[in-house]
Amino acid sequence: MVAIPKSVSSTVQAIYKAYEDANEYYESLGISVGVAGTECDRALWFMFRWACEPEKVDGRKVSIFRTGDAWEERLVRDLEAIGVDVYGQQDRMRLLAGHVRGKRDGAGVGVPEAPKKEHLFEFKSSKASDFRDIVKRGVKDSKPLHYAQCQLGMHYFGLERCLYLVVNKDTDERHSERIHYDLEYCAKLLARLERIIEMDEPPARLCTKRDDFRGMLCRQASVCWGEDWPRATCRSCLHSTPEMTGNAHWSCARWCKPLSVDEQKAGCEAHLFIPAVVPGEQIDVDEERETVTYRLASGEIWVDGE
């Protein structure tokens, strides 16, 4: 017999609800530097195109985020207590015409290993098992997403060193690693991201089958494998184009106009899905009626734009 789960008390539910009500969610206008090192090109393309519904963040998860914020503030105080001058917190990063974006945790001088060298700062809090792996293998191998974030930060701000400072949330143990700027790594990563941004269709899958361990936690999986439809926004429409000028600008060929963020999210009556994201086979196009016809996996005939 399956055990009946214990109910959550009204007090705890109210606390979680308060966190949810106070949380402000912003969907990234581009590819976040925090995920830029994602191994799968296809996953990044779907993220960039807003294919999946935004993650529903419950009160407990919001609390985790706030704990991370508190640790960031505490680590800044730790550095200041040993004479490090910390500045530039939450300064923005904008790369590839604003389609790759994020913020830095800070920068400063006075790091004991190289007091006169200006460093980028990246602060993290981690569970014990991940902390031990970072200490053992280093950031590049243990946390490739964090490594990419550090590299892009150094690249954007013109710095040659990054101090990666992580705390074990279970024991309060700290660990730091000084990361050197790698121009070749950044050039290759930015070239890859630019290629993904400019793709009209999603690239090939990294995973060879649905239960591939590399995609088990991927939030894009259901759309990637055609199990769910992508969101109907301008970014999933075949008329739209990310422009490589300005700051994260998009344009619409159907209406011959630039697209505001609100317009991108809302879409319009002329929306036509990018054929490669439709879970079916394209069988016809009528340019005069502006429709595209598909045979879905169920055998049903569906006309987009009708």
Protein backbone atom coordinates (compact mmCIF):
# COMPACT_ATOMS: atom_id res chain seq x y z
CA MET A 1 0.00 0.00 0.00
CA VAL A 2 1.29 3.43 -0.92
CA ALA A 3 1.77 5.65 2.12
CA ILE A 4 -0.49 8.67 2.33
CA PRO A 5 1.73 11.79 2.19
CA LYS A 6 1.61 14.08 5.17
CA SER A 7 -0.22 17.34 4.61
CA VAL A 8 1.66 20.63 4.70
CA SER A 9 0.58 22.84 7.57
CA SER A 10 -1.36 26.02 6.89
CA THR A 11 1.49 28.05 8.37
CA VAL A 12 4.05 26.59 5.98
CA GLN A 13 1.66 26.95 3.04
CA ALA A 14 1.17 30.62 3.94
CA ILE A 15 4.95 31.16 4.09
CA TYR A 16 5.44 29.57 0.67
CA LYS A 17 2.57 31.65 -0.73
CA ALA A 18 4.18 34.82 0.61
CA TYR A 19 7.41 33.93 -1.20
CA GLU A 20 5.49 33.30 -4.43
CA ASP A 21 3.60 36.59 -4.16
CA ALA A 22 6.80 38.56 -3.58
CA ASN A 23 8.72 36.87 -6.39
CA GLU A 24 9.27 38.78 -9.62
CA TYR A 25 9.88 36.54 -12.61
CA TYR A 26 11.57 37.84 -15.73
CA GLU A 27 11.89 35.66 -18.81
CA SER A 28 15.29 36.19 -20.38
CA LEU A 29 15.25 38.22 -23.58
CA GLY A 30 18.11 36.11 -24.89
CA ILE A 31 20.45 33.31 -23.90
CA SER A 32 21.52 33.79 -20.30
CA VAL A 33 25.26 33.64 -19.65
CA GLY A 34 24.36 31.16 -16.89
CA VAL A 35 23.23 28.56 -19.46
CA ALA A 36 25.49 29.57 -22.37
CA GLY A 37 27.75 26.58 -21.71
CA THR A 38 24.88 24.09 -22.14
CA GLU A 39 26.16 21.11 -24.09
CA CYS A 40 23.18 20.77 -26.44
CA ASP A 41 22.77 23.31 -29.27
CA ARG A 42 19.14 22.28 -29.72
CA ALA A 43 18.28 22.96 -26.08
CA LEU A 44 19.80 26.46 -26.34
CA TRP A 45 17.83 27.14 -29.54
CA PHE A 46 14.55 26.17 -27.86
CA MET A 47 15.39 28.33 -24.83
CA PHE A 48 16.16 31.28 -27.10
CA ARG A 49 12.90 30.76 -29.01
CA TRP A 50 10.77 30.59 -25.83
CA ALA A 51 9.56 27.13 -26.88
CA CYS A 52 8.50 25.94 -23.43
CA GLU A 53 6.21 27.55 -20.90
CA PRO A 54 8.13 29.40 -18.16
CA GLU A 55 8.98 27.19 -15.20
CA LYS A 56 6.45 27.49 -12.40
CA VAL A 57 8.50 28.43 -9.36
CA ASP A 58 6.84 27.44 -6.10
CA GLY A 59 7.42 29.10 -2.74
CA ARG A 60 9.99 26.56 -1.57
CA LYS A 61 12.10 27.08 -4.67
CA VAL A 62 11.82 30.86 -4.37
CA SER A 63 13.12 30.45 -0.81
CA ILE A 64 16.12 28.56 -2.18
CA PHE A 65 16.81 31.45 -4.56
CA ARG A 66 16.62 33.94 -1.69
CA THR A 67 19.04 31.80 0.34
CA GLY A 68 21.45 32.00 -2.60
CA ASP A 69 21.07 35.78 -2.66
CA ALA A 70 21.81 35.92 1.06
CA TRP A 71 24.95 33.85 0.60
CA GLU A 72 26.10 36.16 -2.19
CA GLU A 73 25.78 39.16 0.13
CA ARG A 74 27.61 37.28 2.87
CA LEU A 75 30.48 36.30 0.59
CA VAL A 76 30.87 39.94 -0.41
CA ARG A 77 31.17 40.82 3.26
CA ASP A 78 33.72 38.02 3.69
CA LEU A 79 35.91 39.54 0.98
CA GLU A 80 35.53 43.05 2.33
CA ALA A 81 36.50 41.79 5.80
CA ILE A 82 39.90 40.69 4.46
CA GLY A 83 40.54 43.98 2.67
CA VAL A 84 39.16 43.26 -0.81
CA ASP A 85 37.55 46.24 -2.55
CA VAL A 86 34.31 44.92 -4.11
CA TYR A 87 32.40 46.95 -6.71
CA GLY A 88 30.37 46.56 -9.90
CA GLN A 89 27.79 44.22 -8.38
CA GLN A 90 24.98 43.30 -10.79
CA ASP A 91 26.57 45.20 -13.68
CA ARG A 92 24.96 44.03 -16.91
CA MET A 93 26.55 41.98 -19.68
CA ARG A 94 25.32 42.22 -23.27
CA LEU A 95 26.96 40.12 -25.98
CA LEU A 96 26.06 39.31 -29.61
CA ALA A 97 23.75 42.32 -30.05
CA GLY A 98 22.18 41.70 -26.66
CA HIS A 99 20.98 38.18 -27.48
CA VAL A 100 23.42 36.80 -24.87
CA ARG A 101 22.96 38.57 -21.56
CA GLY A 102 23.40 38.44 -17.83
CA LYS A 103 24.86 40.18 -14.79
CA ARG A 104 28.09 39.80 -12.90
CA ASP A 105 28.24 39.21 -9.15
CA GLY A 106 30.94 41.83 -8.85
CA ALA A 107 34.55 42.75 -9.43
CA GLY A 108 37.37 44.07 -7.32
CA VAL A 109 41.00 44.29 -6.28
CA GLY A 110 42.84 43.08 -3.23
CA VAL A 111 42.50 39.31 -3.66
CA PRO A 112 45.32 37.91 -1.48
CA GLU A 113 46.83 35.75 -4.25
CA ALA A 114 47.19 38.80 -6.54
CA PRO A 115 46.30 42.03 -4.67
CA LYS A 116 46.92 44.42 -7.55
CA LYS A 117 45.05 42.38 -10.18
CA GLU A 118 41.44 43.24 -10.89
CA HIS A 119 39.24 40.15 -10.70
CA LEU A 120 35.75 39.30 -11.81
CA PHE A 121 33.83 37.70 -8.92
CA GLU A 122 31.46 34.77 -9.26
CA PHE A 123 29.72 33.61 -6.09
CA LYS A 124 27.94 30.27 -5.67
CA SER A 125 26.40 28.21 -2.87
CA SER A 126 26.32 24.46 -3.27
CA LYS A 127 25.15 21.27 -1.62
CA ALA A 128 27.88 19.14 -0.06
CA SER A 129 28.25 16.56 -2.86
CA ASP A 130 28.61 19.22 -5.56
CA PHE A 131 30.98 21.22 -3.36
CA ARG A 132 33.28 18.22 -2.93
CA ASP A 133 33.28 17.61 -6.69
CA ILE A 134 34.21 21.24 -7.41
CA VAL A 135 37.11 21.01 -4.95
CA LYS A 136 38.25 17.71 -6.46
CA ARG A 137 37.94 18.41 -10.18
CA GLY A 138 37.89 22.19 -10.53
CA VAL A 139 35.21 24.46 -11.95
CA LYS A 140 35.84 23.74 -15.63
CA ASP A 141 35.21 20.00 -15.33
CA SER A 142 32.78 19.97 -12.41
CA LYS A 143 30.57 22.94 -13.36
CA PRO A 144 30.97 23.74 -17.07
CA LEU A 145 28.01 26.17 -16.99
CA HIS A 146 29.68 28.15 -14.20
CA TYR A 147 32.99 28.09 -16.09
CA ALA A 148 31.35 29.48 -19.23
CA GLN A 149 29.68 32.19 -17.14
CA CYS A 150 33.06 33.19 -15.69
CA GLN A 151 34.72 33.24 -19.10
CA LEU A 152 32.01 35.34 -20.74
CA GLY A 153 32.12 37.76 -17.81
CA MET A 154 35.87 38.22 -18.14
CA HIS A 155 35.50 38.60 -21.90
CA TYR A 156 32.82 41.26 -21.66
CA PHE A 157 34.46 43.33 -18.92
CA GLY A 158 37.99 43.00 -20.30
CA LEU A 159 39.42 41.13 -17.30
CA GLU A 160 42.06 38.39 -17.20
CA ARG A 161 41.17 36.73 -13.89
CA CYS A 162 38.04 35.55 -12.14
CA LEU A 163 37.73 34.59 -8.49
CA TYR A 164 35.17 31.80 -8.21
CA LEU A 165 34.07 31.61 -4.57
CA VAL A 166 31.71 28.83 -3.48
CA VAL A 167 30.29 27.88 -0.08
CA ASN A 168 29.15 24.46 1.12
CA LYS A 169 25.61 25.14 2.36
CA ASP A 170 25.76 22.13 4.68
CA THR A 171 29.01 22.98 6.47
CA ASP A 172 29.79 26.68 5.71
CA GLU A 173 33.12 25.57 4.24
CA ARG A 174 34.46 27.92 1.56
CA HIS A 175 36.46 27.15 -1.55
CA SER A 176 37.95 29.55 -4.09
CA GLU A 177 39.51 29.08 -7.49
CA ARG A 178 41.24 31.68 -9.63
CA ILE A 179 40.26 31.18 -13.27
CA HIS A 180 42.38 32.58 -16.11
CA TYR A 181 40.72 34.20 -19.13
CA ASP A 182 40.76 31.89 -22.16
CA LEU A 183 40.36 33.89 -25.39
CA GLU A 184 40.16 30.80 -27.61
CA TYR A 185 37.42 29.28 -25.44
CA CYS A 186 35.38 32.50 -25.54
CA ALA A 187 35.80 32.96 -29.29
CA LYS A 188 34.57 29.41 -29.94
CA LEU A 189 31.66 29.74 -27.51
CA LEU A 190 30.50 33.06 -28.94
CA ALA A 191 30.77 31.74 -32.50
CA ARG A 192 28.66 28.76 -31.47
CA LEU A 193 26.04 30.95 -29.77
CA GLU A 194 25.86 33.28 -32.79
CA ARG A 195 25.29 30.29 -35.07
CA ILE A 196 22.47 29.05 -32.83
CA ILE A 197 20.86 32.50 -32.65
CA GLU A 198 20.83 32.87 -36.42
CA MET A 199 19.44 29.38 -37.13
CA ASP A 200 15.96 29.40 -38.71
CA GLU A 201 15.32 25.84 -37.52
CA PRO A 202 16.40 23.86 -34.46
CA PRO A 203 19.74 22.06 -34.75
CA ALA A 204 20.05 18.28 -34.43
CA ARG A 205 19.52 16.58 -31.09
CA LEU A 206 22.43 15.75 -28.84
CA CYS A 207 20.44 12.87 -27.32
CA THR A 208 20.04 9.78 -29.47
CA LYS A 209 16.93 8.51 -27.65
CA ARG A 210 14.22 9.86 -25.37
CA ASP A 211 15.66 8.33 -22.19
CA ASP A 212 19.24 9.46 -22.90
CA PHE A 213 20.64 10.45 -19.50
CA ARG A 214 21.95 13.72 -20.94
CA GLY A 215 18.40 14.92 -21.54
CA MET A 216 16.64 13.53 -18.49
CA LEU A 217 16.51 16.92 -16.74
CA CYS A 218 16.16 19.08 -19.86
CA ARG A 219 13.13 21.38 -19.63
CA GLN A 220 12.98 21.51 -23.44
CA ALA A 221 12.63 17.73 -23.84
CA SER A 222 8.87 17.49 -24.39
CA VAL A 223 8.93 20.07 -27.20
CA CYS A 224 12.22 18.73 -28.56
CA TRP A 225 10.72 15.24 -29.00
CA GLY A 226 7.39 16.48 -30.37
CA GLU A 227 5.36 15.44 -27.33
CA ASP A 228 4.17 19.01 -26.71
CA TRP A 229 3.57 21.96 -28.97
CA PRO A 230 5.85 24.97 -28.57
CA ARG A 231 4.41 28.23 -27.30
CA ALA A 232 2.78 30.36 -29.98
CA THR A 233 4.91 33.50 -29.71
CA CYS A 234 6.66 35.53 -32.36
CA ARG A 235 9.81 33.57 -31.65
CA SER A 236 8.20 30.31 -32.79
CA CYS A 237 6.84 32.01 -35.93
CA LEU A 238 8.49 31.59 -39.32
CA HIS A 239 8.07 35.33 -40.04
CA SER A 240 10.34 36.50 -37.20
CA THR A 241 14.09 37.13 -37.18
CA PRO A 242 16.53 37.97 -34.37
CA GLU A 243 18.45 41.01 -35.58
CA MET A 244 22.17 41.23 -34.96
CA THR A 245 22.04 44.99 -34.41
CA GLY A 246 20.76 46.94 -31.43
CA ASN A 247 19.93 45.30 -28.10
CA ALA A 248 18.13 41.95 -28.45
CA HIS A 249 16.04 43.26 -31.33
CA TRP A 250 13.62 41.08 -33.32
CA SER A 251 11.73 41.91 -36.53
CA CYS A 252 8.70 40.56 -38.37
CA ALA A 253 8.85 40.01 -42.16
CA ARG A 254 5.05 39.60 -42.37
CA TRP A 255 4.31 43.07 -41.03
CA CYS A 256 7.69 44.63 -41.95
CA LYS A 257 8.27 46.03 -38.46
CA PRO A 258 10.42 45.68 -35.36
CA LEU A 259 8.87 43.69 -32.52
CA SER A 260 8.59 44.88 -28.94
CA VAL A 261 8.98 42.34 -26.13
CA ASP A 262 5.24 42.44 -25.41
CA GLU A 263 4.48 41.85 -29.09
CA GLN A 264 6.87 38.92 -29.20
CA LYS A 265 5.14 37.26 -26.27
CA ALA A 266 1.63 37.87 -27.58
CA GLY A 267 2.15 36.87 -31.21
CA CYS A 268 -0.56 37.80 -33.74
CA GLU A 269 -3.28 36.39 -35.99
CA ALA A 270 -0.76 35.81 -38.79
CA HIS A 271 1.38 33.48 -36.66
CA LEU A 272 2.72 30.43 -38.50
CA PHE A 273 4.83 27.89 -36.66
CA ILE A 274 8.36 27.22 -37.84
CA PRO A 275 7.69 23.92 -39.65
CA ALA A 276 10.51 22.06 -37.90
CA VAL A 277 8.90 22.59 -34.47
CA VAL A 278 5.49 21.21 -35.46
CA PRO A 279 5.03 17.59 -34.25
CA GLY A 280 4.09 16.34 -37.69
CA GLU A 281 5.04 16.20 -41.38
CA GLN A 282 4.60 19.24 -43.62
CA ILE A 283 2.58 18.23 -46.70
CA ASP A 284 1.42 21.47 -48.32
CA VAL A 285 1.85 25.25 -48.45
CA ASP A 286 -0.61 27.84 -49.77
CA GLU A 287 1.20 31.16 -50.09
CA GLU A 288 -1.93 33.06 -51.16
CA ARG A 289 -3.96 31.90 -48.15
CA GLU A 290 -0.85 31.98 -45.92
CA THR A 291 -1.39 28.46 -44.61
CA VAL A 292 0.85 25.44 -44.05
CA THR A 293 -0.66 21.95 -43.90
CA TYR A 294 0.69 19.10 -41.77
CA ARG A 295 -0.04 15.45 -41.16
CA LEU A 296 0.30 14.98 -37.41
CA ALA A 297 1.61 11.85 -35.73
CA SER A 298 -1.99 10.77 -35.05
CA GLY A 299 -2.74 10.89 -38.79
CA GLU A 300 -4.88 14.02 -38.40
CA ILE A 301 -4.51 16.72 -41.05
CA TRP A 302 -3.93 20.14 -39.49
CA VAL A 303 -3.77 23.47 -41.31
CA ASP A 304 -1.70 26.16 -39.64
CA GLY A 305 -3.04 29.66 -40.27
CA GLU A 306 -6.48 28.54 -41.39
